N, C-alpha and C. Protein backbone atom coordinates (compact mmCIF):
# COMPACT_ATOMS: atom_id res chain seq x y z
N UNK A 1 122.11 -266.07 -43.11
CA UNK A 1 122.81 -266.03 -43.90
C UNK A 1 122.96 -264.76 -44.78
N UNK A 2 124.27 -264.96 -45.57
CA UNK A 2 125.14 -263.73 -45.94
C UNK A 2 124.45 -263.48 -47.28
N UNK A 3 124.16 -262.00 -48.04
CA UNK A 3 123.77 -261.44 -48.34
C UNK A 3 123.89 -262.33 -50.06
N UNK A 4 125.01 -262.30 -50.21
CA UNK A 4 125.90 -263.16 -50.54
C UNK A 4 125.53 -264.25 -51.11
N UNK A 5 125.10 -264.84 -50.50
CA UNK A 5 124.51 -266.28 -50.77
C UNK A 5 123.30 -266.29 -50.54
N UNK A 6 122.61 -265.70 -50.37
CA UNK A 6 121.26 -264.95 -50.79
C UNK A 6 121.31 -265.04 -51.88
N UNK A 7 122.07 -264.07 -52.47
CA UNK A 7 121.07 -263.66 -53.93
C UNK A 7 121.36 -264.89 -54.46
N UNK A 8 122.91 -265.96 -54.82
CA UNK A 8 123.15 -266.93 -55.46
C UNK A 8 121.88 -268.17 -54.99
N UNK A 9 121.33 -268.24 -54.11
CA UNK A 9 120.13 -269.23 -54.16
C UNK A 9 119.00 -268.00 -55.27
N UNK A 10 119.19 -267.34 -55.17
CA UNK A 10 117.67 -266.63 -55.49
C UNK A 10 117.87 -266.91 -57.36
N UNK A 11 119.13 -267.10 -57.71
CA UNK A 11 119.79 -266.88 -58.84
C UNK A 11 119.48 -268.83 -59.51
N UNK A 12 120.60 -269.40 -58.70
CA UNK A 12 120.93 -270.51 -59.91
C UNK A 12 120.33 -271.83 -58.97
N UNK A 13 119.42 -271.36 -58.09
CA UNK A 13 118.56 -272.50 -57.46
C UNK A 13 116.72 -272.70 -58.42
N UNK A 14 116.27 -274.35 -58.27
CA UNK A 14 115.44 -274.29 -58.55
C UNK A 14 114.12 -273.59 -57.67
N UNK A 15 112.84 -272.14 -58.89
CA UNK A 15 112.61 -271.91 -58.09
C UNK A 15 110.77 -272.06 -58.09
N UNK A 16 110.13 -272.09 -57.13
CA UNK A 16 108.55 -272.19 -57.33
C UNK A 16 108.25 -271.14 -58.20
N UNK A 17 107.23 -272.23 -58.96
CA UNK A 17 106.51 -270.88 -59.87
C UNK A 17 105.83 -270.01 -58.98
N UNK A 18 105.40 -268.61 -59.37
CA UNK A 18 104.52 -267.59 -58.70
C UNK A 18 103.80 -267.67 -59.43
N UNK A 19 102.40 -267.72 -59.02
CA UNK A 19 101.32 -267.52 -59.61
C UNK A 19 100.93 -265.49 -60.22
N UNK A 20 100.60 -265.58 -61.19
CA UNK A 20 100.02 -264.16 -62.05
C UNK A 20 98.48 -264.57 -62.70
N UNK A 21 98.16 -263.16 -62.33
CA UNK A 21 96.73 -263.10 -63.57
C UNK A 21 97.07 -262.89 -64.83
N UNK A 22 96.66 -262.54 -65.88
CA UNK A 22 96.98 -262.23 -66.94
C UNK A 22 95.34 -262.69 -67.73
N UNK A 23 95.26 -261.35 -68.85
CA UNK A 23 94.19 -261.03 -69.80
C UNK A 23 94.90 -260.30 -70.59
N UNK A 24 94.18 -259.95 -71.28
CA UNK A 24 93.69 -259.38 -72.86
C UNK A 24 94.34 -260.08 -73.74
N UNK A 25 95.36 -259.28 -74.91
CA UNK A 25 95.57 -260.00 -75.78
C UNK A 25 97.40 -260.19 -75.72
N UNK A 26 97.71 -259.84 -74.44
CA UNK A 26 99.38 -260.18 -74.70
C UNK A 26 99.80 -260.70 -73.32
N UNK A 27 100.35 -260.88 -72.75
CA UNK A 27 100.85 -261.80 -71.62
C UNK A 27 101.91 -260.89 -70.86
N UNK A 28 101.58 -260.18 -69.59
CA UNK A 28 102.35 -259.51 -69.24
C UNK A 28 104.14 -259.44 -69.31
N UNK A 29 105.46 -259.03 -69.20
CA UNK A 29 106.27 -258.66 -69.80
C UNK A 29 107.14 -258.06 -68.84
N UNK A 30 107.79 -257.80 -67.29
CA UNK A 30 108.72 -259.07 -67.54
C UNK A 30 107.48 -259.73 -67.18
N UNK A 31 107.80 -261.54 -66.85
CA UNK A 31 106.82 -262.34 -66.63
C UNK A 31 107.08 -262.01 -64.99
N UNK A 32 105.81 -262.48 -64.33
CA UNK A 32 105.67 -262.12 -62.90
C UNK A 32 105.27 -263.85 -62.33
N UNK A 33 106.11 -264.73 -63.19
CA UNK A 33 106.37 -266.07 -62.43
C UNK A 33 107.74 -266.73 -62.93
N UNK A 34 108.03 -267.90 -62.87
CA UNK A 34 109.84 -268.07 -63.18
C UNK A 34 109.11 -269.23 -64.63
N UNK A 35 109.60 -268.83 -65.61
CA UNK A 35 108.99 -269.53 -66.94
C UNK A 35 109.72 -269.17 -68.00
N UNK A 36 110.03 -269.72 -69.26
CA UNK A 36 110.57 -269.25 -70.39
C UNK A 36 109.20 -268.62 -70.86
N UNK A 37 109.97 -267.48 -71.56
CA UNK A 37 108.88 -266.47 -72.16
C UNK A 37 109.07 -266.54 -73.13
N UNK A 38 108.43 -266.33 -74.48
CA UNK A 38 108.52 -266.02 -76.12
C UNK A 38 107.75 -265.25 -76.43
N UNK A 39 108.33 -263.99 -77.06
CA UNK A 39 107.58 -263.10 -77.67
C UNK A 39 107.47 -263.77 -79.30
N UNK A 40 105.82 -262.43 -79.79
CA UNK A 40 105.83 -262.75 -81.40
C UNK A 40 107.10 -262.60 -81.86
N UNK A 41 107.97 -261.61 -81.66
CA UNK A 41 109.52 -261.28 -82.50
C UNK A 41 109.79 -262.68 -82.73
N UNK A 42 109.76 -263.57 -81.81
CA UNK A 42 111.15 -264.88 -81.99
C UNK A 42 111.94 -264.68 -80.19
N UNK A 43 111.70 -263.34 -79.61
CA UNK A 43 112.83 -263.05 -78.94
C UNK A 43 112.31 -264.05 -77.59
N UNK A 44 113.80 -264.86 -77.05
CA UNK A 44 113.25 -265.98 -75.96
C UNK A 44 113.68 -265.21 -74.88
N UNK A 45 113.66 -265.67 -73.12
CA UNK A 45 113.92 -264.82 -72.31
C UNK A 45 113.78 -266.14 -71.53
N UNK A 46 114.32 -266.62 -69.78
CA UNK A 46 114.22 -267.22 -69.24
C UNK A 46 113.90 -265.96 -67.70
N UNK A 47 113.02 -266.58 -67.09
CA UNK A 47 112.36 -265.47 -65.83
C UNK A 47 112.64 -266.71 -64.16
N UNK A 48 113.55 -266.01 -63.20
CA UNK A 48 113.38 -266.34 -61.81
C UNK A 48 112.81 -265.74 -61.40
N UNK A 49 111.14 -266.12 -60.58
CA UNK A 49 110.88 -265.17 -59.49
C UNK A 49 110.45 -265.94 -58.28
N UNK A 50 110.80 -265.02 -57.27
CA UNK A 50 110.66 -265.88 -55.88
C UNK A 50 110.52 -264.67 -54.93
N UNK A 51 109.08 -265.19 -53.62
CA UNK A 51 109.37 -264.15 -53.22
C UNK A 51 110.19 -264.36 -51.47
N UNK A 52 110.56 -263.37 -50.66
CA UNK A 52 111.34 -263.44 -49.89
C UNK A 52 110.95 -262.58 -48.24
N UNK A 53 111.34 -262.99 -47.69
CA UNK A 53 110.50 -262.22 -46.34
C UNK A 53 111.19 -260.73 -46.58
N UNK A 54 109.87 -259.96 -46.56
CA UNK A 54 110.77 -258.56 -46.21
C UNK A 54 111.45 -257.98 -44.84
N UNK A 55 111.02 -258.85 -43.91
CA UNK A 55 111.72 -258.57 -42.63
C UNK A 55 113.35 -258.66 -41.99
N UNK A 56 113.14 -259.79 -43.22
CA UNK A 56 115.12 -259.82 -42.87
C UNK A 56 115.31 -258.95 -44.13
N UNK A 57 116.47 -258.34 -42.87
CA UNK A 57 117.59 -256.75 -43.89
C UNK A 57 118.29 -257.17 -44.78
N UNK A 58 119.18 -258.73 -44.41
CA UNK A 58 120.18 -259.17 -45.95
C UNK A 58 120.07 -259.01 -47.57
N UNK A 59 118.71 -258.94 -47.40
CA UNK A 59 118.24 -259.39 -49.01
C UNK A 59 118.93 -257.80 -49.49
N UNK A 60 119.50 -257.88 -50.72
CA UNK A 60 119.94 -256.29 -51.84
C UNK A 60 120.16 -256.59 -52.86
N UNK A 61 119.37 -255.97 -53.28
CA UNK A 61 118.87 -255.74 -54.92
C UNK A 61 119.86 -255.17 -56.02
N UNK A 62 121.47 -254.11 -55.20
CA UNK A 62 122.30 -254.29 -56.35
C UNK A 62 123.10 -255.85 -56.06
N UNK A 63 123.33 -256.40 -55.43
CA UNK A 63 124.51 -257.70 -55.06
C UNK A 63 123.62 -258.20 -55.76
N UNK A 64 122.48 -258.50 -55.85
CA UNK A 64 121.23 -259.76 -56.59
C UNK A 64 121.86 -258.91 -58.50
N UNK A 65 121.49 -258.03 -58.53
CA UNK A 65 122.17 -257.49 -59.77
C UNK A 65 123.24 -257.57 -60.47
N UNK A 66 124.58 -257.22 -59.09
CA UNK A 66 125.87 -257.94 -60.07
C UNK A 66 126.20 -259.34 -60.33
N UNK A 67 125.69 -259.82 -59.40
CA UNK A 67 125.37 -261.09 -59.67
C UNK A 67 125.13 -262.20 -60.67
N UNK A 68 123.58 -261.46 -61.30
CA UNK A 68 123.64 -262.08 -62.17
C UNK A 68 123.74 -261.32 -63.69
N UNK A 69 124.62 -259.96 -63.31
CA UNK A 69 125.59 -259.54 -64.66
C UNK A 69 126.79 -260.57 -64.48
N UNK A 70 126.86 -260.55 -63.66
CA UNK A 70 128.40 -261.64 -63.40
C UNK A 70 128.29 -262.84 -64.26
N UNK A 71 127.06 -263.54 -64.24
CA UNK A 71 126.91 -264.80 -64.59
C UNK A 71 126.44 -264.65 -66.28
N UNK A 72 125.96 -263.84 -66.93
CA UNK A 72 125.81 -263.44 -67.81
C UNK A 72 127.57 -263.03 -68.87
N UNK A 73 127.71 -262.50 -68.01
CA UNK A 73 129.61 -262.10 -68.09
C UNK A 73 129.99 -263.55 -68.79
N UNK A 74 130.41 -264.08 -67.69
CA UNK A 74 131.18 -265.71 -68.01
C UNK A 74 130.75 -266.33 -68.83
N UNK A 75 129.64 -266.39 -69.42
CA UNK A 75 128.61 -267.31 -70.16
C UNK A 75 129.06 -266.42 -71.79
N UNK A 76 129.04 -265.31 -71.34
CA UNK A 76 129.39 -264.91 -73.29
C UNK A 76 130.98 -264.71 -73.22
N UNK A 77 131.48 -264.82 -72.41
CA UNK A 77 133.45 -264.81 -72.91
C UNK A 77 133.48 -266.31 -72.58
N UNK A 78 132.79 -267.43 -72.29
CA UNK A 78 133.09 -268.54 -73.04
C UNK A 78 132.13 -268.91 -74.67
N UNK A 79 131.42 -268.26 -74.29
CA UNK A 79 130.36 -268.30 -75.98
C UNK A 79 130.08 -266.98 -76.36
N UNK A 80 131.14 -266.07 -77.13
CA UNK A 80 130.49 -264.91 -77.81
C UNK A 80 130.23 -265.14 -79.05
N UNK A 81 129.09 -264.11 -79.29
CA UNK A 81 127.73 -263.88 -80.23
C UNK A 81 128.48 -264.19 -81.67
N UNK A 82 130.06 -263.23 -81.72
CA UNK A 82 130.60 -262.79 -83.21
C UNK A 82 130.30 -261.87 -83.89
N UNK A 83 129.51 -261.18 -83.22
CA UNK A 83 128.84 -260.12 -83.56
C UNK A 83 129.65 -258.84 -82.36
N UNK A 84 129.33 -257.63 -83.32
CA UNK A 84 129.55 -256.64 -82.19
C UNK A 84 128.90 -255.51 -81.65
N UNK A 85 129.32 -256.14 -80.05
CA UNK A 85 127.79 -255.22 -79.45
C UNK A 85 126.41 -256.32 -79.28
N UNK A 86 127.02 -256.99 -79.22
CA UNK A 86 125.91 -257.71 -79.61
C UNK A 86 126.52 -259.26 -78.20
N UNK A 87 125.26 -259.47 -77.39
CA UNK A 87 125.41 -260.87 -76.36
C UNK A 87 124.34 -262.11 -76.70
N UNK A 88 124.84 -262.96 -76.57
CA UNK A 88 124.48 -264.06 -76.67
C UNK A 88 123.51 -263.99 -74.96
N UNK A 89 123.88 -263.81 -73.78
CA UNK A 89 122.42 -263.87 -72.99
C UNK A 89 122.82 -262.46 -72.18
N UNK A 90 121.21 -261.56 -72.19
CA UNK A 90 121.87 -260.23 -71.23
C UNK A 90 120.91 -260.26 -69.87
N UNK A 91 121.06 -259.37 -69.60
CA UNK A 91 120.25 -258.86 -68.36
C UNK A 91 118.83 -258.27 -68.91
N UNK A 92 117.83 -258.87 -68.68
CA UNK A 92 117.04 -257.77 -69.08
C UNK A 92 115.92 -257.21 -68.05
N UNK A 93 116.51 -257.95 -67.17
CA UNK A 93 115.22 -257.42 -65.98
C UNK A 93 116.15 -258.08 -64.15
N UNK A 94 115.90 -257.19 -63.58
CA UNK A 94 116.56 -257.81 -62.30
C UNK A 94 115.81 -256.90 -61.05
N UNK A 95 115.19 -257.40 -60.19
CA UNK A 95 114.13 -256.30 -59.00
C UNK A 95 114.36 -257.04 -58.12
N UNK A 96 113.89 -256.78 -56.78
CA UNK A 96 114.58 -257.04 -55.46
C UNK A 96 113.37 -256.20 -54.84
N UNK A 97 112.15 -256.16 -54.95
CA UNK A 97 111.29 -255.15 -54.16
C UNK A 97 109.69 -255.51 -53.62
N UNK A 98 109.17 -255.22 -52.89
CA UNK A 98 108.17 -255.70 -52.40
C UNK A 98 107.77 -256.91 -52.17
N UNK A 99 108.57 -258.03 -51.95
CA UNK A 99 108.32 -258.96 -50.80
C UNK A 99 108.61 -260.33 -52.23
N UNK A 100 109.40 -259.25 -53.26
CA UNK A 100 109.24 -260.11 -54.83
C UNK A 100 111.06 -260.23 -55.46
N UNK A 101 111.85 -261.14 -55.81
CA UNK A 101 112.74 -261.26 -56.33
C UNK A 101 113.21 -261.61 -57.67
N UNK A 102 113.38 -261.11 -59.06
CA UNK A 102 112.74 -261.27 -60.00
C UNK A 102 114.40 -261.11 -60.94
N UNK A 103 114.20 -261.72 -61.49
CA UNK A 103 115.89 -261.82 -62.99
C UNK A 103 115.36 -262.69 -64.19
N UNK A 104 115.47 -261.65 -64.97
CA UNK A 104 114.78 -262.18 -65.95
C UNK A 104 115.83 -261.88 -67.08
N UNK A 105 116.81 -262.97 -67.65
CA UNK A 105 117.46 -263.27 -68.68
C UNK A 105 116.91 -263.04 -70.58
N UNK A 106 117.94 -262.68 -71.33
CA UNK A 106 117.21 -262.24 -72.63
C UNK A 106 118.07 -262.91 -73.27
N UNK A 107 117.91 -264.04 -74.77
CA UNK A 107 118.85 -264.70 -75.23
C UNK A 107 119.12 -265.00 -76.37
N UNK A 108 120.64 -265.09 -77.31
CA UNK A 108 120.29 -264.59 -78.81
C UNK A 108 119.79 -265.71 -78.95
N UNK A 109 120.54 -266.66 -79.08
CA UNK A 109 119.67 -268.27 -79.68
C UNK A 109 118.62 -268.82 -78.60
N UNK A 110 117.78 -270.27 -78.86
CA UNK A 110 117.53 -271.40 -78.42
C UNK A 110 119.02 -272.05 -77.39
N UNK A 111 119.88 -272.32 -78.38
CA UNK A 111 120.68 -273.19 -78.19
C UNK A 111 121.45 -272.25 -76.59
N UNK A 112 121.53 -271.00 -76.33
CA UNK A 112 122.31 -270.23 -75.36
C UNK A 112 121.22 -270.84 -74.75
N UNK A 113 120.10 -270.40 -74.50
CA UNK A 113 119.30 -271.06 -72.95
C UNK A 113 119.42 -271.94 -72.74
N UNK A 114 119.33 -272.92 -73.72
CA UNK A 114 119.56 -273.87 -72.93
C UNK A 114 121.17 -274.46 -72.39
N UNK A 115 122.41 -274.09 -73.15
CA UNK A 115 123.30 -274.07 -72.67
C UNK A 115 123.81 -273.26 -71.12
N UNK A 116 122.94 -271.91 -71.11
CA UNK A 116 123.30 -271.22 -70.08
C UNK A 116 122.48 -271.77 -69.23
N UNK A 117 121.33 -272.26 -68.90
CA UNK A 117 120.54 -272.46 -67.36
C UNK A 117 120.70 -274.19 -67.37
N UNK A 118 121.47 -274.58 -67.99
CA UNK A 118 121.93 -275.55 -67.53
C UNK A 118 123.84 -276.22 -66.76
N UNK A 119 124.44 -274.48 -67.65
CA UNK A 119 125.30 -274.27 -66.72
C UNK A 119 125.71 -273.52 -65.14
N UNK A 120 124.36 -272.29 -65.15
CA UNK A 120 124.25 -271.72 -64.40
C UNK A 120 123.19 -272.01 -62.80
N UNK A 121 122.79 -273.77 -63.82
CA UNK A 121 121.06 -274.64 -62.64
C UNK A 121 120.59 -273.98 -62.70
N UNK A 122 120.06 -273.58 -63.86
CA UNK A 122 118.74 -272.92 -63.62
C UNK A 122 117.49 -274.32 -63.87
N UNK A 123 117.58 -275.30 -62.80
CA UNK A 123 116.27 -276.31 -63.30
C UNK A 123 115.20 -276.03 -63.47
N UNK A 124 114.47 -274.70 -63.00
CA UNK A 124 112.83 -274.58 -63.67
C UNK A 124 112.84 -274.46 -64.64
N UNK A 125 113.89 -273.78 -65.85
CA UNK A 125 113.90 -273.03 -67.31
C UNK A 125 114.24 -274.02 -68.35
N UNK A 126 115.46 -274.91 -67.47
CA UNK A 126 116.57 -276.24 -67.92
C UNK A 126 115.35 -276.63 -69.41
N UNK A 127 115.51 -276.80 -70.75
CA UNK A 127 115.02 -277.87 -71.52
C UNK A 127 116.39 -278.73 -72.00
N UNK A 128 115.97 -279.40 -72.27
CA UNK A 128 116.70 -279.94 -73.62
C UNK A 128 116.96 -279.12 -74.78
N UNK A 129 115.54 -278.65 -75.50
CA UNK A 129 115.33 -278.13 -76.63
C UNK A 129 115.05 -277.33 -76.51
N UNK A 130 114.88 -276.44 -77.66
CA UNK A 130 113.78 -275.64 -77.98
C UNK A 130 114.06 -274.66 -79.09
N UNK A 131 112.92 -274.67 -80.40
CA UNK A 131 112.82 -273.74 -81.51
C UNK A 131 112.02 -272.99 -81.48
N UNK A 132 111.61 -271.90 -81.71
CA UNK A 132 110.76 -270.72 -82.00
C UNK A 132 110.98 -270.47 -83.04
N UNK A 133 109.92 -270.47 -83.96
CA UNK A 133 109.32 -269.95 -85.89
C UNK A 133 107.90 -269.78 -85.97
N UNK A 134 108.04 -269.54 -87.15
CA UNK A 134 106.27 -268.91 -87.53
C UNK A 134 106.16 -270.75 -87.85
N UNK A 135 104.70 -270.88 -87.96
CA UNK A 135 104.34 -271.94 -88.20
C UNK A 135 104.77 -272.46 -89.60
N UNK A 136 104.87 -271.68 -90.37
CA UNK A 136 105.58 -272.29 -91.47
C UNK A 136 106.77 -272.30 -91.87
N UNK A 137 107.74 -272.28 -90.64
CA UNK A 137 108.61 -272.75 -90.89
C UNK A 137 108.98 -273.89 -90.23
N UNK A 138 108.13 -274.01 -89.24
CA UNK A 138 108.48 -275.48 -88.44
C UNK A 138 107.81 -276.28 -88.55
N UNK A 139 107.29 -276.75 -90.37
CA UNK A 139 106.47 -277.52 -90.06
C UNK A 139 107.19 -279.28 -90.37
N UNK A 140 108.25 -279.64 -90.23
CA UNK A 140 109.31 -280.31 -90.12
C UNK A 140 108.95 -280.86 -88.55
N UNK A 141 109.43 -280.08 -88.19
CA UNK A 141 109.72 -280.69 -86.64
C UNK A 141 108.17 -280.92 -85.41
N UNK A 142 106.66 -280.10 -86.16
CA UNK A 142 105.46 -280.34 -86.23
C UNK A 142 105.60 -281.74 -86.83
N UNK A 143 105.99 -282.47 -87.79
CA UNK A 143 105.37 -283.40 -87.92
C UNK A 143 106.25 -284.60 -87.58
N UNK A 144 107.31 -284.15 -86.94
CA UNK A 144 108.50 -285.28 -85.91
C UNK A 144 107.65 -285.75 -84.80
N UNK A 145 107.27 -284.09 -84.32
CA UNK A 145 106.39 -284.50 -83.08
C UNK A 145 105.62 -285.31 -82.46
N UNK A 146 104.16 -285.22 -83.35
CA UNK A 146 103.86 -286.23 -83.57
C UNK A 146 102.03 -285.97 -82.66
N UNK A 147 101.56 -287.28 -81.99
CA UNK A 147 100.68 -287.05 -81.37
C UNK A 147 98.91 -286.10 -81.70
N UNK A 148 98.26 -285.99 -80.93
CA UNK A 148 96.87 -285.17 -80.82
C UNK A 148 97.28 -283.17 -81.12
N UNK A 149 96.65 -282.94 -81.80
CA UNK A 149 96.92 -281.65 -81.49
C UNK A 149 94.98 -281.17 -81.41
N UNK A 150 94.95 -280.44 -79.81
CA UNK A 150 94.28 -280.04 -79.14
C UNK A 150 93.69 -278.24 -80.07
N UNK A 151 92.75 -277.33 -80.23
CA UNK A 151 91.97 -276.65 -80.16
C UNK A 151 91.73 -276.39 -79.37
N UNK A 152 92.41 -275.29 -78.74
CA UNK A 152 91.93 -274.52 -77.18
C UNK A 152 90.90 -274.29 -77.24
N UNK A 153 90.17 -272.99 -78.13
CA UNK A 153 88.78 -272.79 -77.94
C UNK A 153 88.15 -273.95 -77.92
N UNK A 154 87.85 -274.64 -78.57
CA UNK A 154 86.75 -275.54 -78.74
C UNK A 154 87.04 -276.18 -77.72
N UNK A 155 88.55 -276.91 -77.16
CA UNK A 155 88.84 -277.81 -76.13
C UNK A 155 88.32 -279.48 -76.87
N UNK A 156 88.74 -279.60 -78.57
CA UNK A 156 88.15 -281.07 -78.28
C UNK A 156 90.43 -280.66 -79.25
N UNK A 157 90.01 -281.77 -80.26
CA UNK A 157 90.99 -282.37 -81.12
C UNK A 157 91.17 -281.45 -83.12
N UNK A 158 91.89 -281.47 -83.06
CA UNK A 158 92.37 -281.22 -84.30
C UNK A 158 92.26 -281.92 -85.78
N UNK A 159 92.15 -281.80 -86.70
CA UNK A 159 92.77 -282.45 -87.53
C UNK A 159 94.53 -281.31 -87.58
N UNK A 160 95.54 -282.54 -87.88
CA UNK A 160 96.89 -281.69 -87.83
C UNK A 160 97.03 -280.96 -89.36
N UNK A 161 96.59 -281.31 -90.27
CA UNK A 161 96.84 -280.42 -91.50
C UNK A 161 96.07 -279.46 -91.50
N UNK A 162 95.05 -279.07 -90.37
CA UNK A 162 94.38 -277.97 -90.10
C UNK A 162 95.18 -276.92 -89.66
N UNK A 163 95.49 -277.29 -88.93
CA UNK A 163 96.76 -276.81 -88.06
C UNK A 163 97.97 -275.88 -88.40
N UNK A 164 98.30 -276.94 -89.29
CA UNK A 164 99.72 -276.29 -90.00
C UNK A 164 99.13 -275.60 -91.33
N UNK A 165 98.21 -275.08 -91.49
CA UNK A 165 97.11 -273.44 -92.53
C UNK A 165 97.17 -272.74 -91.49
N UNK A 166 98.14 -272.55 -90.40
CA UNK A 166 97.86 -271.56 -90.09
C UNK A 166 99.64 -271.24 -89.90
N UNK A 167 99.49 -270.60 -90.64
CA UNK A 167 101.12 -270.54 -91.32
C UNK A 167 101.61 -269.25 -90.64
N UNK A 168 101.11 -268.07 -90.47
CA UNK A 168 101.49 -266.50 -89.57
C UNK A 168 101.62 -266.65 -88.10
N UNK A 169 101.01 -267.87 -87.54
CA UNK A 169 101.38 -267.69 -86.58
C UNK A 169 102.67 -268.22 -85.69
N UNK A 170 102.44 -268.16 -84.70
CA UNK A 170 104.12 -268.47 -83.49
C UNK A 170 104.11 -269.91 -83.12
N UNK A 171 105.27 -271.02 -83.36
CA UNK A 171 105.62 -271.91 -83.34
C UNK A 171 106.25 -272.43 -82.16
N UNK A 172 106.09 -272.55 -81.43
CA UNK A 172 106.99 -273.38 -80.41
C UNK A 172 107.40 -274.15 -80.24
N UNK A 173 108.36 -275.19 -80.06
CA UNK A 173 109.01 -276.77 -80.15
C UNK A 173 109.59 -276.97 -78.98
N UNK A 174 109.77 -277.48 -78.11
CA UNK A 174 110.89 -277.82 -76.62
C UNK A 174 110.35 -279.22 -76.64
N UNK A 175 111.37 -279.39 -75.77
CA UNK A 175 111.70 -280.82 -75.56
C UNK A 175 112.10 -280.79 -73.85
N UNK A 176 111.60 -281.61 -73.17
CA UNK A 176 111.89 -281.44 -72.03
C UNK A 176 110.85 -280.82 -70.77
N UNK A 177 110.75 -280.85 -69.39
CA UNK A 177 109.54 -280.60 -68.44
C UNK A 177 110.32 -279.22 -68.50
N UNK A 178 108.91 -277.82 -68.29
CA UNK A 178 109.24 -276.86 -68.64
C UNK A 178 107.87 -276.40 -68.04
N UNK A 179 108.32 -274.83 -67.91
CA UNK A 179 106.72 -273.84 -68.38
C UNK A 179 106.45 -272.87 -69.47
N UNK A 180 105.96 -272.52 -70.46
CA UNK A 180 106.43 -272.13 -71.13
C UNK A 180 105.44 -270.84 -71.22
N UNK A 181 105.91 -269.00 -71.18
CA UNK A 181 104.58 -268.82 -71.57
C UNK A 181 104.49 -267.70 -72.92
N UNK A 182 103.97 -267.78 -73.62
CA UNK A 182 103.93 -267.43 -74.68
C UNK A 182 102.85 -265.15 -74.63
N UNK A 183 104.06 -264.87 -75.43
CA UNK A 183 103.01 -263.39 -75.71
C UNK A 183 101.53 -263.02 -76.15
N UNK A 184 101.43 -264.02 -77.01
CA UNK A 184 100.05 -263.96 -77.34
C UNK A 184 98.73 -265.45 -76.69
N UNK A 185 98.16 -265.27 -77.27
CA UNK A 185 97.10 -266.71 -76.39
C UNK A 185 97.57 -268.25 -77.65
N UNK A 186 97.73 -269.00 -76.39
CA UNK A 186 97.88 -270.58 -77.00
C UNK A 186 96.81 -270.73 -77.66
N UNK A 187 96.93 -271.45 -78.96
CA UNK A 187 95.76 -271.78 -80.03
C UNK A 187 95.45 -272.72 -80.08
N UNK A 188 96.89 -273.62 -80.11
CA UNK A 188 97.03 -275.12 -79.75
C UNK A 188 98.02 -275.82 -79.44
N UNK A 189 97.56 -276.92 -79.34
CA UNK A 189 98.54 -277.82 -78.78
C UNK A 189 98.85 -279.03 -79.17
N UNK A 190 99.97 -279.53 -78.95
CA UNK A 190 100.19 -280.86 -78.92
C UNK A 190 101.15 -281.58 -78.64
N UNK A 191 100.98 -282.73 -77.41
CA UNK A 191 102.15 -283.31 -76.50
C UNK A 191 101.55 -283.35 -74.96
N UNK A 192 102.78 -283.72 -73.86
CA UNK A 192 101.89 -283.62 -72.25
C UNK A 192 101.82 -281.98 -72.12
N UNK A 193 100.53 -281.59 -72.30
CA UNK A 193 100.33 -280.48 -71.43
C UNK A 193 99.50 -279.72 -70.74
N UNK A 194 100.08 -279.25 -70.08
CA UNK A 194 98.75 -278.69 -69.23
C UNK A 194 98.81 -276.89 -69.23
N UNK A 195 97.22 -276.72 -69.91
CA UNK A 195 97.60 -275.32 -69.42
C UNK A 195 97.21 -274.69 -68.72
N UNK A 196 98.44 -273.62 -68.13
CA UNK A 196 97.85 -272.80 -66.51
C UNK A 196 96.64 -271.72 -66.58
N UNK A 197 96.91 -270.83 -68.09
CA UNK A 197 95.74 -269.89 -68.34
C UNK A 197 96.35 -269.52 -69.85
N UNK A 198 95.85 -268.84 -70.40
CA UNK A 198 95.67 -268.68 -71.75
C UNK A 198 96.89 -268.59 -72.57
N UNK A 199 97.42 -268.06 -71.95
CA UNK A 199 99.14 -267.67 -71.85
C UNK A 199 100.65 -268.89 -71.51
N UNK A 200 99.77 -269.59 -70.83
CA UNK A 200 100.81 -270.16 -70.28
C UNK A 200 101.03 -271.37 -70.48
N UNK A 201 101.62 -272.75 -70.43
CA UNK A 201 101.70 -274.11 -70.96
C UNK A 201 102.87 -274.42 -69.87
N UNK A 202 102.41 -275.82 -69.11
CA UNK A 202 103.41 -276.28 -68.51
C UNK A 202 103.31 -277.74 -68.96
N UNK A 203 104.67 -278.14 -69.53
CA UNK A 203 104.85 -279.50 -70.42
C UNK A 203 105.88 -280.21 -69.19
N UNK A 204 104.99 -280.95 -68.89
CA UNK A 204 104.87 -282.17 -67.88
C UNK A 204 106.69 -283.29 -68.04
N UNK A 205 106.43 -283.76 -69.64
CA UNK A 205 107.89 -284.43 -70.35
C UNK A 205 107.10 -284.51 -71.54
N UNK A 206 108.66 -284.97 -72.21
CA UNK A 206 108.28 -285.28 -73.48
C UNK A 206 108.82 -283.99 -74.29
N UNK A 207 108.08 -284.13 -75.66
CA UNK A 207 108.49 -282.71 -76.86
C UNK A 207 107.41 -282.66 -76.93
N UNK A 208 106.78 -281.35 -76.87
CA UNK A 208 105.42 -280.51 -76.72
C UNK A 208 105.72 -279.24 -78.21
N UNK A 209 104.22 -279.52 -78.83
CA UNK A 209 104.43 -278.32 -79.81
C UNK A 209 103.28 -276.87 -79.35
N UNK A 210 103.47 -275.75 -79.10
CA UNK A 210 102.28 -274.56 -78.84
C UNK A 210 102.57 -273.75 -80.00
N UNK A 211 101.07 -273.62 -80.50
CA UNK A 211 101.12 -272.33 -81.76
C UNK A 211 100.41 -270.93 -80.69
N UNK A 212 100.93 -270.06 -81.06
CA UNK A 212 100.44 -268.34 -80.52
C UNK A 212 100.21 -267.60 -81.06
N UNK A 213 99.19 -266.58 -81.08
CA UNK A 213 98.21 -265.73 -81.75
C UNK A 213 100.11 -264.56 -81.96
């Protein structure tokens, strides 16, 4: 297989989740798994992570980086930010070492994430809709989602009114099957959610809300 083709497969194809160990009050960045990453500063990223066989000599880190940058440049040319020296999509991390390939993009807006992942055929991280905000700014979306809220620490349901009082926490509202990794611990959620660890939620279908510290 040609090296360019290998780079294309890593970037464009659907990739399996790559497990990682987490602990403490914040999750690692760059992520060690294929996921959408959301920071406390409301910055959003996608990570594609895949293991590869180091015995083959045709994997080239520079070619992978060039191709990832080309993908971002193509999108930025079509959807410019309108701000000087500000890109709608930028390459935050690209590495090919120790048997793991990793490509991480940063997005100016959630709409850019949704559109870029669709156009680049990133089936792992593509979602129909995504919003990141403080809880106080996302009450409308929380009310529209409906469903039962879960208190993660107590592993029990909680009244939605109590959740909405947590105005200083961070809210992620997502539509579409995906993996979401948050910088802080997930405290509450609503929707079709499977928690993989303290920071990572797997959305199986439909819409879901995550509130993290």
